[in-house]
Amino acid sequence: MINRDLSLIEFYWRVTEEARDQTQPLLERVKFLSIAASLIDGPITGVTHHTSATPIQPRMVGFEVDYLAGSFRGQFREVAGKLQTSGDTPVLTGSAKVASVDVKDENLAGHLQSPDFFDAERYPELSFESAEIERTGDEITVRGGITIKGVEKPVELTGTIADPIADYTGKERLSVKLDTTVDRTEFGVNWNVPLPDGKPALADEVKLSAELFFVKEA
């Protein structure tokens, strides 16, 4: 049985595992393949030419910031990305819809949409475009510009990149994990409240993380 309460990404991978299970009757495996195919919403194109990630492909795009005595975390559920490698310089671009932020608290999610934070009505998306990508073994450095609340700032992301592997359909997949830290106040995200000792409740430095999948064009 497949737990329908799993996240969409987890559900996708669980379905593909069932499709690969040779102990399953053939018709059942075909059924699972059909379900997996239906979860891929739109074209996904290639690593050696042009690669794009539809909303199903990114596993995680999120943020983490120190708040009071702990850390506050959130994720964006609606994200898109492209990896263009057909030219002389590879280019990675991506965006996330502010309205899709998931923080497990509806009141807090609403506050994040307000001008105190992302101001979703005026600036509905966050975006990134690379200017330079360097790879050494499985390590990758991506330099470019990130735009939050209409303000673009240079940023350097570091992380890992996996060599392409073939999935159960024969398509090559590539995964990239990236992290960086930004000062939210540089983008006009200035909300805070003072604590009794005078220190701010919310830190200025925010860690941004992304885990993306790309699939080679047929």
Protein backbone atom coordinates (compact mmCIF):
# COMPACT_ATOMS: atom_id res chain seq x y z
CA MET A 1 0.00 0.00 0.00
CA ILE A 2 1.13 3.56 -0.77
CA ASN A 3 0.50 6.18 1.92
CA ARG A 4 -1.27 9.04 0.12
CA ASP A 5 -0.31 11.35 2.99
CA LEU A 6 3.30 11.31 1.84
CA SER A 7 4.65 14.48 0.25
CA LEU A 8 4.41 14.57 -3.54
CA ILE A 9 8.11 13.94 -3.95
CA GLU A 10 8.07 11.01 -1.52
CA PHE A 11 4.96 9.66 -3.23
CA TYR A 12 6.69 9.87 -6.63
CA TRP A 13 9.73 7.90 -5.45
CA ARG A 14 7.57 5.33 -3.65
CA VAL A 15 5.56 4.76 -6.83
CA THR A 16 8.73 4.30 -8.91
CA GLU A 17 10.04 1.79 -6.37
CA GLU A 18 6.83 -0.19 -6.73
CA ALA A 19 7.19 -0.05 -10.52
CA ARG A 20 10.71 -1.51 -10.28
CA ASP A 21 9.65 -4.32 -7.94
CA GLN A 22 9.83 -7.47 -10.07
CA THR A 23 7.78 -9.41 -7.53
CA GLN A 24 4.78 -7.29 -8.53
CA PRO A 25 2.49 -8.63 -11.28
CA LEU A 26 3.29 -7.08 -14.66
CA LEU A 27 -0.03 -5.22 -14.90
CA GLU A 28 0.52 -3.73 -11.44
CA ARG A 29 3.99 -2.51 -12.45
CA VAL A 30 2.53 -0.91 -15.59
CA LYS A 31 -0.08 0.81 -13.42
CA PHE A 32 2.61 2.26 -11.15
CA LEU A 33 4.59 3.45 -14.18
CA SER A 34 1.50 5.28 -15.42
CA ILE A 35 1.02 6.96 -12.04
CA ALA A 36 4.66 8.07 -11.96
CA ALA A 37 4.43 9.49 -15.47
CA SER A 38 1.31 11.47 -14.54
CA LEU A 39 3.22 13.18 -11.70
CA ILE A 40 5.72 14.74 -14.11
CA ASP A 41 3.90 17.97 -14.97
CA GLY A 42 5.32 19.38 -18.17
CA PRO A 43 8.54 18.92 -20.15
CA ILE A 44 11.86 18.20 -18.48
CA THR A 45 14.78 18.83 -20.80
CA GLY A 46 18.41 17.96 -20.81
CA VAL A 47 21.73 18.31 -19.06
CA THR A 48 23.85 18.31 -22.21
CA HIS A 49 21.58 20.76 -24.01
CA HIS A 50 18.93 22.43 -21.90
CA THR A 51 17.71 21.15 -18.56
CA SER A 52 14.64 22.42 -16.75
CA ALA A 53 13.07 21.35 -13.49
CA THR A 54 9.29 21.38 -13.33
CA PRO A 55 7.64 21.92 -9.91
CA ILE A 56 7.81 18.18 -9.22
CA GLN A 57 11.57 18.00 -9.72
CA PRO A 58 13.15 20.16 -7.01
CA ARG A 59 13.21 18.16 -3.79
CA MET A 60 13.74 21.15 -1.52
CA VAL A 61 14.20 24.91 -1.74
CA GLY A 62 14.13 26.44 1.70
CA PHE A 63 15.59 28.73 4.31
CA GLU A 64 16.74 28.65 7.93
CA VAL A 65 17.24 31.55 10.34
CA ASP A 66 18.00 31.77 14.05
CA TYR A 67 14.95 32.88 16.05
CA LEU A 68 14.85 33.28 19.84
CA ALA A 69 16.52 30.18 21.33
CA GLY A 70 16.27 28.01 18.23
CA SER A 71 16.05 28.00 14.45
CA PHE A 72 13.13 28.77 12.18
CA ARG A 73 12.80 26.83 8.91
CA GLY A 74 10.59 27.07 5.86
CA GLN A 75 10.29 25.70 2.33
CA PHE A 76 8.87 26.88 -0.98
CA ARG A 77 6.57 24.33 -2.60
CA GLU A 78 6.30 25.98 -6.04
CA VAL A 79 9.72 26.30 -7.61
CA ALA A 80 11.16 26.12 -11.11
CA GLY A 81 14.66 25.88 -12.48
CA LYS A 82 16.69 25.52 -15.65
CA LEU A 83 20.25 24.42 -16.33
CA GLN A 84 21.46 25.61 -19.72
CA THR A 85 24.67 23.89 -20.80
CA SER A 86 24.57 24.17 -24.59
CA GLY A 87 26.58 27.41 -24.71
CA ASP A 88 30.14 28.23 -23.72
CA THR A 89 29.11 29.07 -20.15
CA PRO A 90 26.59 26.94 -18.19
CA VAL A 91 23.73 28.99 -16.75
CA LEU A 92 21.53 28.00 -13.81
CA THR A 93 18.32 29.95 -13.23
CA GLY A 94 15.56 29.41 -10.72
CA SER A 95 12.57 30.98 -9.04
CA ALA A 96 10.21 30.33 -6.14
CA LYS A 97 6.68 31.62 -5.61
CA VAL A 98 6.39 33.47 -2.32
CA ALA A 99 2.77 32.37 -1.90
CA SER A 100 3.93 28.74 -1.77
CA VAL A 101 6.03 29.14 1.38
CA ASP A 102 5.36 26.33 3.86
CA VAL A 103 6.11 26.95 7.54
CA LYS A 104 3.48 24.66 9.12
CA ASP A 105 1.72 27.67 10.70
CA GLU A 106 -0.98 29.49 8.73
CA ASN A 107 -0.72 32.69 10.77
CA LEU A 108 3.03 32.83 10.33
CA ALA A 109 2.74 31.97 6.65
CA GLY A 110 0.41 34.93 6.25
CA HIS A 111 2.86 37.24 8.03
CA LEU A 112 5.63 36.14 5.65
CA GLN A 113 3.48 37.30 2.72
CA SER A 114 3.19 40.79 4.22
CA PRO A 115 5.45 43.83 3.61
CA ASP A 116 7.25 42.96 6.89
CA PHE A 117 8.87 40.08 5.04
CA PHE A 118 8.47 39.06 1.37
CA ASP A 119 5.65 41.46 0.38
CA ALA A 120 4.12 38.84 -1.92
CA GLU A 121 1.57 41.19 -3.49
CA ARG A 122 4.29 43.43 -4.91
CA TYR A 123 7.02 40.82 -5.29
CA PRO A 124 5.42 37.40 -5.92
CA GLU A 125 8.66 35.56 -6.73
CA LEU A 126 12.24 35.14 -5.58
CA SER A 127 14.70 34.52 -8.40
CA PHE A 128 18.30 33.57 -9.12
CA GLU A 129 20.52 33.60 -12.21
CA SER A 130 24.09 32.39 -12.32
CA ALA A 131 27.00 34.26 -13.88
CA GLU A 132 29.64 31.58 -13.30
CA ILE A 133 29.66 27.88 -12.44
CA GLU A 134 32.78 25.99 -11.34
CA ARG A 135 33.04 22.27 -10.71
CA THR A 136 35.87 20.33 -9.07
CA GLY A 137 35.04 16.65 -8.69
CA ASP A 138 31.74 16.48 -6.87
CA GLU A 139 32.04 20.01 -5.49
CA ILE A 140 30.35 22.93 -7.23
CA THR A 141 30.44 26.71 -6.81
CA VAL A 142 27.81 28.90 -8.40
CA ARG A 143 28.14 32.69 -8.47
CA GLY A 144 25.32 34.93 -9.58
CA GLY A 145 22.57 37.28 -8.50
CA ILE A 146 19.62 36.60 -6.23
CA THR A 147 16.56 38.85 -6.21
CA ILE A 148 14.35 39.19 -3.14
CA LYS A 149 11.67 41.88 -2.81
CA GLY A 150 12.85 43.38 -6.08
CA VAL A 151 16.42 43.84 -4.81
CA GLU A 152 19.21 41.95 -6.58
CA LYS A 153 22.46 41.15 -4.77
CA PRO A 154 25.51 39.05 -5.73
CA VAL A 155 25.75 35.70 -4.02
CA GLU A 156 27.97 32.62 -4.03
CA LEU A 157 26.43 29.19 -3.56
CA THR A 158 28.47 26.10 -2.80
CA GLY A 159 27.55 22.45 -2.65
CA THR A 160 27.78 19.13 -4.43
CA ILE A 161 26.85 17.74 -7.81
CA ALA A 162 26.33 14.08 -8.60
CA ASP A 163 27.30 12.41 -11.84
CA PRO A 164 24.31 11.50 -14.03
CA ILE A 165 22.68 8.13 -13.41
CA ALA A 166 20.05 6.31 -15.43
CA ASP A 167 16.62 5.88 -13.89
CA TYR A 168 14.28 2.93 -14.42
CA THR A 169 13.11 4.40 -17.77
CA GLY A 170 16.66 4.84 -19.04
CA LYS A 171 16.69 8.62 -18.67
CA GLU A 172 19.75 10.23 -17.13
CA ARG A 173 19.21 12.21 -13.93
CA LEU A 174 21.51 14.74 -12.29
CA SER A 175 21.22 16.12 -8.76
CA VAL A 176 22.63 19.35 -7.34
CA LYS A 177 22.68 20.53 -3.72
CA LEU A 178 23.50 24.17 -2.98
CA ASP A 179 23.73 26.39 0.10
CA THR A 180 24.46 30.04 0.76
CA THR A 181 23.93 32.68 3.43
CA VAL A 182 22.47 36.14 2.87
CA ASP A 183 21.76 39.16 5.04
CA ARG A 184 18.00 39.60 4.80
CA THR A 185 18.18 43.31 5.68
CA GLU A 186 20.09 43.96 2.44
CA PHE A 187 16.86 43.02 0.64
CA GLY A 188 14.61 45.17 2.78
CA VAL A 189 13.41 42.29 4.95
CA ASN A 190 13.84 44.22 8.19
CA TRP A 191 11.17 42.97 10.61
CA ASN A 192 12.34 42.33 14.16
CA VAL A 193 11.40 42.79 17.81
CA PRO A 194 13.81 43.52 20.69
CA LEU A 195 14.18 41.05 23.53
CA PRO A 196 14.44 42.16 27.20
CA ASP A 197 18.24 42.11 26.95
CA GLY A 198 18.11 44.39 23.92
CA LYS A 199 19.12 41.75 21.40
CA PRO A 200 16.92 41.13 18.32
CA ALA A 201 14.58 38.14 18.29
CA LEU A 202 15.34 37.29 14.67
CA ALA A 203 18.83 37.01 13.19
CA ASP A 204 19.78 38.93 10.04
CA GLU A 205 21.71 36.06 8.45
CA VAL A 206 19.55 33.53 6.61
CA LYS A 207 20.76 30.20 5.22
CA LEU A 208 19.27 29.33 1.82
CA SER A 209 19.33 25.72 0.59
CA ALA A 210 18.28 23.97 -2.59
CA GLU A 211 18.26 20.36 -3.74
CA LEU A 212 17.42 20.00 -7.42
CA PHE A 213 17.00 17.21 -9.93
CA PHE A 214 17.54 17.55 -13.67
CA VAL A 215 16.75 15.02 -16.40
CA LYS A 216 18.63 14.70 -19.67
CA GLU A 217 16.74 15.67 -22.80
CA ALA A 218 15.74 12.79 -25.02
